[in-house]
Amino acid sequence: MSDPIDIPITDDVIRLGQFLKLANLIDSGSEAKNVIAQGLVRVNDEVELRRGRQLQTGDVVTLAGHKARVTDG
């Protein structure tokens, strides 16, 4: 698996569903809901089932072999 790409955010936190879209890991909010519900999304190597999970700087999100890290904007 490749190294995570850094995705800057402008606030202190971002919701998981929003971050998936910002990082171009998915195309829409409904797709975020589906992949999260299916247990396909990992945050810091743990399966995450909450679309509203608050991510902070340094968190790494994995979906389908792609990794994205939350960084300061």
Protein backbone atom coordinates (compact mmCIF):
# COMPACT_ATOMS: atom_id res chain seq x y z
CA MET A 1 0.00 0.00 0.00
CA SER A 2 1.25 3.49 -0.82
CA ASP A 3 2.05 6.32 1.55
CA PRO A 4 -0.90 8.56 2.44
CA ILE A 5 -1.48 11.74 0.48
CA ASP A 6 -1.80 14.87 2.60
CA ILE A 7 -5.16 16.64 2.44
CA PRO A 8 -5.23 20.05 4.16
CA ILE A 9 -8.36 21.20 5.99
CA THR A 10 -9.19 24.76 7.01
CA ASP A 11 -10.92 24.00 10.34
CA ASP A 12 -9.68 22.09 13.39
CA VAL A 13 -11.84 19.05 12.55
CA ILE A 14 -13.75 17.59 9.59
CA ARG A 15 -16.39 14.87 9.43
CA LEU A 16 -15.38 11.58 7.85
CA GLY A 17 -18.00 11.77 5.07
CA GLN A 18 -16.84 15.26 4.10
CA PHE A 19 -13.19 14.24 4.18
CA LEU A 20 -13.74 11.25 1.89
CA LYS A 21 -15.19 13.61 -0.70
CA LEU A 22 -12.52 16.31 -0.17
CA ALA A 23 -9.78 13.69 -0.65
CA ASN A 24 -11.45 12.45 -3.86
CA LEU A 25 -11.79 8.96 -2.40
CA ILE A 26 -15.51 9.01 -3.31
CA ASP A 27 -17.76 11.01 -5.64
CA SER A 28 -20.80 11.82 -3.47
CA GLY A 29 -22.23 11.94 0.03
CA SER A 30 -24.46 8.96 -0.68
CA GLU A 31 -21.41 6.96 -1.74
CA ALA A 32 -19.73 7.94 1.55
CA LYS A 33 -22.72 6.63 3.48
CA ASN A 34 -22.59 3.32 1.60
CA VAL A 35 -18.85 2.60 1.88
CA ILE A 36 -18.82 3.54 5.57
CA ALA A 37 -21.89 1.38 6.33
CA GLN A 38 -20.24 -1.56 4.55
CA GLY A 39 -17.17 -1.27 6.80
CA LEU A 40 -14.84 -0.40 3.92
CA VAL A 41 -13.38 2.73 5.54
CA ARG A 42 -10.63 2.64 8.12
CA VAL A 43 -9.44 5.52 10.31
CA ASN A 44 -5.99 5.01 11.82
CA ASP A 45 -6.19 1.30 10.87
CA GLU A 46 -9.54 0.73 12.61
CA VAL A 47 -12.84 0.16 10.80
CA GLU A 48 -15.07 3.23 11.23
CA LEU A 49 -18.85 2.99 10.82
CA ARG A 50 -19.75 6.58 11.77
CA ARG A 51 -20.03 8.99 8.85
CA GLY A 52 -19.97 11.90 11.32
CA ARG A 53 -16.70 10.81 12.96
CA GLN A 54 -14.65 13.92 13.68
CA LEU A 55 -11.19 13.73 12.10
CA GLN A 56 -8.25 15.77 13.33
CA THR A 57 -4.83 16.63 11.96
CA GLY A 58 -2.75 13.47 11.65
CA ASP A 59 -5.66 11.03 11.21
CA VAL A 60 -5.18 8.64 8.28
CA VAL A 61 -8.20 7.43 6.32
CA THR A 62 -7.97 4.31 4.14
CA LEU A 63 -10.42 3.22 1.44
CA ALA A 64 -9.80 0.62 -1.27
CA GLY A 65 -6.03 0.72 -0.82
CA HIS A 66 -5.85 4.53 -0.97
CA LYS A 67 -4.72 6.49 2.07
CA ALA A 68 -5.28 10.16 2.86
CA ARG A 69 -3.95 12.04 5.90
CA VAL A 70 -5.62 15.06 7.46
CA THR A 71 -3.22 18.02 7.61
CA ASP A 72 -3.44 21.67 8.67
CA GLY A 73 -4.68 24.01 5.98
